[in-house]
Amino acid sequence: MLMIIVSKKQMISLLNLSAKTLRYKCGVYLLKCNKHTYIGSSKDLYPRLCEHKRDLLKGQHGNSFVQRVFDKYSIKEFTFQIL
């Protein structure tokens, strides 16, 4: 399950993600799977996270390395953390 770490103490499942949690919040985020990391930024974190999830599930992520890691380890190993 792809998890979102909103703070060091709080994790939210991507599948049950509430727009209320991240809508209209900007910031830098970390997408992580085991030792592999991807750092990005967004003016609105919720739609960007949804875009990552959609593209990964369709096998069409813009970053081929992230897509290969996703294909190898599955959604269960990914975490999303706001830095």
N, C-alpha and C. Protein backbone atom coordinates (compact mmCIF):
# COMPACT_ATOMS: atom_id res chain seq x y z
N MET A 1 0.85 -1.17 0.00
CA MET A 1 0.00 0.00 0.00
C MET A 1 0.89 1.23 0.00
N LEU A 2 0.66 2.16 -0.89
CA LEU A 2 1.42 3.40 -0.93
C LEU A 2 0.97 4.24 0.24
N MET A 3 1.92 4.66 1.06
CA MET A 3 1.61 5.42 2.26
C MET A 3 2.11 6.84 2.12
N ILE A 4 1.47 7.74 2.80
CA ILE A 4 1.87 9.13 2.83
C ILE A 4 2.25 9.46 4.26
N ILE A 5 3.42 10.00 4.44
CA ILE A 5 3.85 10.43 5.77
C ILE A 5 3.65 11.94 5.81
N VAL A 6 2.64 12.39 6.50
CA VAL A 6 2.33 13.81 6.57
C VAL A 6 3.25 14.48 7.59
N SER A 7 3.54 13.80 8.64
CA SER A 7 4.54 14.24 9.61
C SER A 7 5.27 12.98 10.05
N LYS A 8 6.26 13.12 10.90
CA LYS A 8 7.01 11.95 11.33
C LYS A 8 6.13 10.96 12.09
N LYS A 9 5.04 11.44 12.65
CA LYS A 9 4.16 10.59 13.46
C LYS A 9 2.91 10.13 12.72
N GLN A 10 2.57 10.73 11.59
CA GLN A 10 1.30 10.45 10.93
C GLN A 10 1.51 9.88 9.54
N MET A 11 0.90 8.73 9.26
CA MET A 11 0.95 8.12 7.94
C MET A 11 -0.47 7.92 7.45
N ILE A 12 -0.71 8.21 6.19
CA ILE A 12 -2.04 8.08 5.61
C ILE A 12 -1.95 7.20 4.37
N SER A 13 -2.85 6.26 4.25
CA SER A 13 -2.89 5.39 3.09
C SER A 13 -3.28 6.18 1.86
N LEU A 14 -2.55 5.97 0.77
CA LEU A 14 -2.87 6.66 -0.48
C LEU A 14 -4.26 6.29 -0.96
N LEU A 15 -4.66 5.05 -0.72
CA LEU A 15 -5.95 4.59 -1.21
C LEU A 15 -7.11 5.27 -0.50
N ASN A 16 -6.87 5.76 0.72
CA ASN A 16 -7.91 6.45 1.49
C ASN A 16 -7.59 7.92 1.67
N LEU A 17 -6.76 8.46 0.81
CA LEU A 17 -6.30 9.83 0.92
C LEU A 17 -7.45 10.82 0.82
N SER A 18 -7.46 11.75 1.72
CA SER A 18 -8.47 12.80 1.72
C SER A 18 -7.89 14.06 1.09
N ALA A 19 -8.63 14.66 0.19
CA ALA A 19 -8.19 15.91 -0.42
C ALA A 19 -8.00 16.98 0.64
N LYS A 20 -8.75 16.85 1.73
CA LYS A 20 -8.68 17.81 2.81
C LYS A 20 -7.27 17.86 3.43
N THR A 21 -6.59 16.73 3.43
CA THR A 21 -5.27 16.63 4.04
C THR A 21 -4.21 17.42 3.28
N LEU A 22 -4.22 17.35 1.95
CA LEU A 22 -3.14 17.93 1.16
C LEU A 22 -3.58 19.00 0.16
N ARG A 23 -4.86 19.19 -0.04
CA ARG A 23 -5.36 20.15 -1.03
C ARG A 23 -4.86 21.55 -0.72
N TYR A 24 -4.36 22.22 -1.74
CA TYR A 24 -3.88 23.60 -1.67
C TYR A 24 -2.65 23.79 -0.78
N LYS A 25 -1.97 22.68 -0.47
CA LYS A 25 -0.72 22.78 0.28
C LYS A 25 0.43 22.59 -0.68
N CYS A 26 1.38 23.49 -0.62
CA CYS A 26 2.55 23.37 -1.49
C CYS A 26 3.71 22.80 -0.68
N GLY A 27 4.72 22.32 -1.39
CA GLY A 27 5.88 21.84 -0.67
C GLY A 27 6.75 20.92 -1.49
N VAL A 28 7.80 20.47 -0.83
CA VAL A 28 8.74 19.51 -1.39
C VAL A 28 8.39 18.16 -0.80
N TYR A 29 8.42 17.12 -1.63
CA TYR A 29 8.05 15.79 -1.16
C TYR A 29 9.08 14.76 -1.58
N LEU A 30 9.05 13.64 -0.89
CA LEU A 30 9.95 12.53 -1.15
C LEU A 30 9.10 11.30 -1.47
N LEU A 31 9.34 10.70 -2.60
CA LEU A 31 8.71 9.44 -2.99
C LEU A 31 9.79 8.39 -2.80
N LYS A 32 9.55 7.39 -1.94
CA LYS A 32 10.61 6.45 -1.57
C LYS A 32 10.13 5.01 -1.66
N CYS A 33 11.04 4.16 -2.12
CA CYS A 33 10.80 2.72 -2.16
C CYS A 33 12.12 2.04 -1.81
N ASN A 34 12.16 1.41 -0.66
CA ASN A 34 13.40 0.81 -0.16
C ASN A 34 14.51 1.86 -0.16
N LYS A 35 15.60 1.64 -0.88
CA LYS A 35 16.71 2.60 -0.90
C LYS A 35 16.59 3.62 -2.04
N HIS A 36 15.59 3.51 -2.87
CA HIS A 36 15.41 4.39 -4.02
C HIS A 36 14.53 5.58 -3.64
N THR A 37 14.95 6.78 -4.05
CA THR A 37 14.18 7.98 -3.71
C THR A 37 13.99 8.88 -4.92
N TYR A 38 12.91 9.65 -4.88
CA TYR A 38 12.59 10.65 -5.89
C TYR A 38 12.12 11.88 -5.12
N ILE A 39 12.71 13.02 -5.38
CA ILE A 39 12.32 14.25 -4.70
C ILE A 39 11.66 15.18 -5.72
N GLY A 40 10.53 15.72 -5.35
CA GLY A 40 9.81 16.63 -6.23
C GLY A 40 9.20 17.77 -5.43
N SER A 41 8.58 18.68 -6.13
CA SER A 41 7.89 19.79 -5.47
C SER A 41 6.61 20.08 -6.24
N SER A 42 5.67 20.71 -5.55
CA SER A 42 4.40 21.02 -6.18
C SER A 42 3.74 22.21 -5.50
N LYS A 43 2.96 22.95 -6.28
CA LYS A 43 2.18 24.05 -5.73
C LYS A 43 0.93 23.51 -5.03
N ASP A 44 0.48 22.32 -5.41
CA ASP A 44 -0.69 21.67 -4.82
C ASP A 44 -0.39 20.18 -4.72
N LEU A 45 -0.10 19.70 -3.52
CA LEU A 45 0.39 18.33 -3.34
C LEU A 45 -0.63 17.24 -3.67
N TYR A 46 -1.89 17.48 -3.40
CA TYR A 46 -2.89 16.43 -3.62
C TYR A 46 -3.01 16.01 -5.09
N PRO A 47 -3.22 16.95 -6.03
CA PRO A 47 -3.30 16.50 -7.42
C PRO A 47 -1.99 15.92 -7.93
N ARG A 48 -0.86 16.42 -7.43
CA ARG A 48 0.42 15.87 -7.88
C ARG A 48 0.58 14.44 -7.41
N LEU A 49 0.19 14.14 -6.19
CA LEU A 49 0.26 12.78 -5.69
C LEU A 49 -0.67 11.87 -6.47
N CYS A 50 -1.87 12.36 -6.77
CA CYS A 50 -2.81 11.57 -7.57
C CYS A 50 -2.25 11.30 -8.96
N GLU A 51 -1.55 12.29 -9.51
CA GLU A 51 -0.93 12.12 -10.83
C GLU A 51 0.16 11.05 -10.80
N HIS A 52 1.00 11.08 -9.75
CA HIS A 52 2.03 10.04 -9.60
C HIS A 52 1.37 8.65 -9.54
N LYS A 53 0.37 8.52 -8.69
CA LYS A 53 -0.30 7.23 -8.51
C LYS A 53 -0.91 6.75 -9.82
N ARG A 54 -1.65 7.63 -10.49
CA ARG A 54 -2.30 7.25 -11.75
C ARG A 54 -1.28 6.81 -12.80
N ASP A 55 -0.23 7.60 -12.98
CA ASP A 55 0.78 7.27 -13.99
C ASP A 55 1.52 5.98 -13.66
N LEU A 56 1.84 5.76 -12.40
CA LEU A 56 2.52 4.53 -12.00
C LEU A 56 1.64 3.30 -12.24
N LEU A 57 0.37 3.40 -11.87
CA LEU A 57 -0.54 2.27 -12.05
C LEU A 57 -0.78 1.96 -13.53
N LYS A 58 -0.74 2.99 -14.38
CA LYS A 58 -0.92 2.79 -15.82
C LYS A 58 0.37 2.37 -16.51
N GLY A 59 1.50 2.44 -15.77
CA GLY A 59 2.79 2.11 -16.36
C GLY A 59 3.32 3.21 -17.26
N GLN A 60 2.90 4.45 -17.00
CA GLN A 60 3.24 5.57 -17.87
C GLN A 60 3.89 6.73 -17.12
N HIS A 61 4.61 6.46 -16.05
CA HIS A 61 5.21 7.54 -15.28
C HIS A 61 6.27 8.24 -16.13
N GLY A 62 6.38 9.55 -16.03
CA GLY A 62 7.33 10.33 -16.81
C GLY A 62 8.79 10.04 -16.48
N ASN A 63 9.04 9.51 -15.28
CA ASN A 63 10.40 9.16 -14.88
C ASN A 63 10.54 7.65 -15.00
N SER A 64 11.29 7.20 -15.99
CA SER A 64 11.39 5.76 -16.26
C SER A 64 12.02 4.98 -15.11
N PHE A 65 12.93 5.61 -14.36
CA PHE A 65 13.54 4.93 -13.22
C PHE A 65 12.49 4.65 -12.14
N VAL A 66 11.69 5.67 -11.82
CA VAL A 66 10.63 5.49 -10.82
C VAL A 66 9.65 4.41 -11.28
N GLN A 67 9.32 4.39 -12.56
CA GLN A 67 8.40 3.38 -13.08
C GLN A 67 8.98 1.97 -12.95
N ARG A 68 10.28 1.82 -13.24
CA ARG A 68 10.91 0.49 -13.12
C ARG A 68 10.94 0.03 -11.67
N VAL A 69 11.23 0.93 -10.75
CA VAL A 69 11.22 0.58 -9.32
C VAL A 69 9.82 0.18 -8.90
N PHE A 70 8.83 0.93 -9.34
CA PHE A 70 7.43 0.61 -9.02
C PHE A 70 7.04 -0.76 -9.56
N ASP A 71 7.43 -1.03 -10.80
CA ASP A 71 7.10 -2.32 -11.42
C ASP A 71 7.77 -3.47 -10.68
N LYS A 72 8.96 -3.24 -10.17
CA LYS A 72 9.70 -4.29 -9.47
C LYS A 72 9.16 -4.55 -8.07
N TYR A 73 8.88 -3.48 -7.32
CA TYR A 73 8.52 -3.63 -5.90
C TYR A 73 7.03 -3.51 -5.61
N SER A 74 6.25 -2.97 -6.45
CA SER A 74 4.80 -2.78 -6.30
C SER A 74 4.46 -1.59 -5.40
N ILE A 75 3.20 -1.26 -5.37
CA ILE A 75 2.70 -0.11 -4.63
C ILE A 75 2.86 -0.28 -3.11
N LYS A 76 2.95 -1.49 -2.64
CA LYS A 76 3.05 -1.76 -1.20
C LYS A 76 4.33 -1.23 -0.59
N GLU A 77 5.36 -1.05 -1.37
CA GLU A 77 6.66 -0.64 -0.85
C GLU A 77 6.90 0.88 -0.92
N PHE A 78 6.01 1.62 -1.55
CA PHE A 78 6.22 3.06 -1.73
C PHE A 78 5.70 3.88 -0.58
N THR A 79 6.44 4.93 -0.22
CA THR A 79 5.98 5.91 0.76
C THR A 79 6.12 7.30 0.15
N PHE A 80 5.30 8.20 0.63
CA PHE A 80 5.32 9.60 0.19
C PHE A 80 5.43 10.42 1.45
N GLN A 81 6.45 11.29 1.50
CA GLN A 81 6.67 12.09 2.69
C GLN A 81 6.84 13.55 2.30
N ILE A 82 6.16 14.42 3.03
CA ILE A 82 6.33 15.86 2.84
C ILE A 82 7.55 16.28 3.63
N LEU A 83 8.48 16.92 2.95
CA LEU A 83 9.73 17.33 3.62
C LEU A 83 9.62 18.71 4.25
